[in-house]
Structure formats: C-alpha cells, structure tokens
C-alpha cells in the first residue's frame, strides 16, 4: 500500500484534529484510487481500440 503521508501532506495533517486527519487520509486514498481506475480505464480503452481495428 502506498504511503499517502508524504512530507508535504504530513505538514498539512499536523494542523488537523484527529477526525480531520482521518478524513484527509480517506480523501488522499480516494484520489489515489481514482487515478488508478482512470489509468486502468485508459489502458482498457486502448486495448479495445486495438481489437476493434482487426
């Protein structure tokens, strides 16, 4: 699992309450998952185009 708390995100999280830190970490995870799913969708789209040309 990737480390979502880089030095820059740690400095942001340092000023948050415990509940806000949990929310912040969840948002970072969701952003990561969104980026991953977008990458997968792009790869599938390229594959589909490749097969559609045949």
Protein backbone atom coordinates (compact mmCIF):
# COMPACT_ATOMS: atom_id res chain seq x y z
CA UNK A 1 0.00 0.00 0.00
CA UNK A 2 1.37 3.40 -0.92
CA UNK A 3 2.34 5.85 1.78
CA UNK A 4 -0.14 8.69 1.39
CA UNK A 5 1.52 10.84 4.06
CA UNK A 6 4.41 12.42 2.23
CA UNK A 7 6.32 15.24 3.98
CA UNK A 8 4.03 17.85 2.41
CA UNK A 9 0.83 16.02 3.40
CA UNK A 10 2.24 15.41 6.87
CA UNK A 11 2.70 19.14 7.37
CA UNK A 12 -0.92 19.70 6.32
CA UNK A 13 -2.17 16.88 8.57
CA UNK A 14 -0.19 18.24 11.53
CA UNK A 15 -2.65 21.12 11.87
CA UNK A 16 -5.78 18.97 11.74
CA UNK A 17 -7.82 17.41 14.51
CA UNK A 18 -7.77 13.59 14.76
CA UNK A 19 -11.12 13.31 12.97
CA UNK A 20 -9.98 15.72 10.25
CA UNK A 21 -6.78 13.69 9.81
CA UNK A 22 -8.84 10.55 9.22
CA UNK A 23 -10.99 12.37 6.66
CA UNK A 24 -7.91 13.82 4.99
CA UNK A 25 -6.30 10.39 4.71
CA UNK A 26 -9.51 8.95 3.25
CA UNK A 27 -9.60 11.75 0.66
CA UNK A 28 -5.98 11.04 -0.30
CA UNK A 29 -6.78 7.33 -0.67
CA UNK A 30 -9.84 8.10 -2.79
CA UNK A 31 -7.78 10.38 -5.03
CA UNK A 32 -5.20 7.60 -5.44
CA UNK A 33 -7.89 5.03 -6.28
CA UNK A 34 -9.47 7.44 -8.76
CA UNK A 35 -6.15 7.93 -10.51
CA UNK A 36 -5.59 4.16 -10.61
CA UNK A 37 -9.05 3.48 -12.02
CA UNK A 38 -8.57 6.23 -14.62
CA UNK A 39 -5.30 4.62 -15.70
CA UNK A 40 -6.94 1.20 -15.96
CA UNK A 41 -9.84 2.65 -17.96
CA UNK A 42 -7.38 4.32 -20.33
CA UNK A 43 -5.49 1.06 -20.86
CA UNK A 44 -8.74 -0.84 -21.49
CA UNK A 45 -9.79 1.83 -23.98
CA UNK A 46 -6.50 1.43 -25.85
CA UNK A 47 -6.91 -2.36 -25.86
CA UNK A 48 -10.46 -2.04 -27.17
CA UNK A 49 -9.31 0.23 -30.00
CA UNK A 50 -6.57 -2.25 -30.87
CA UNK A 51 -9.03 -5.13 -31.13
CA UNK A 52 -11.63 -3.02 -32.94
CA UNK A 53 -9.18 -2.35 -35.76
CA UNK A 54 -8.94 -6.05 -36.60
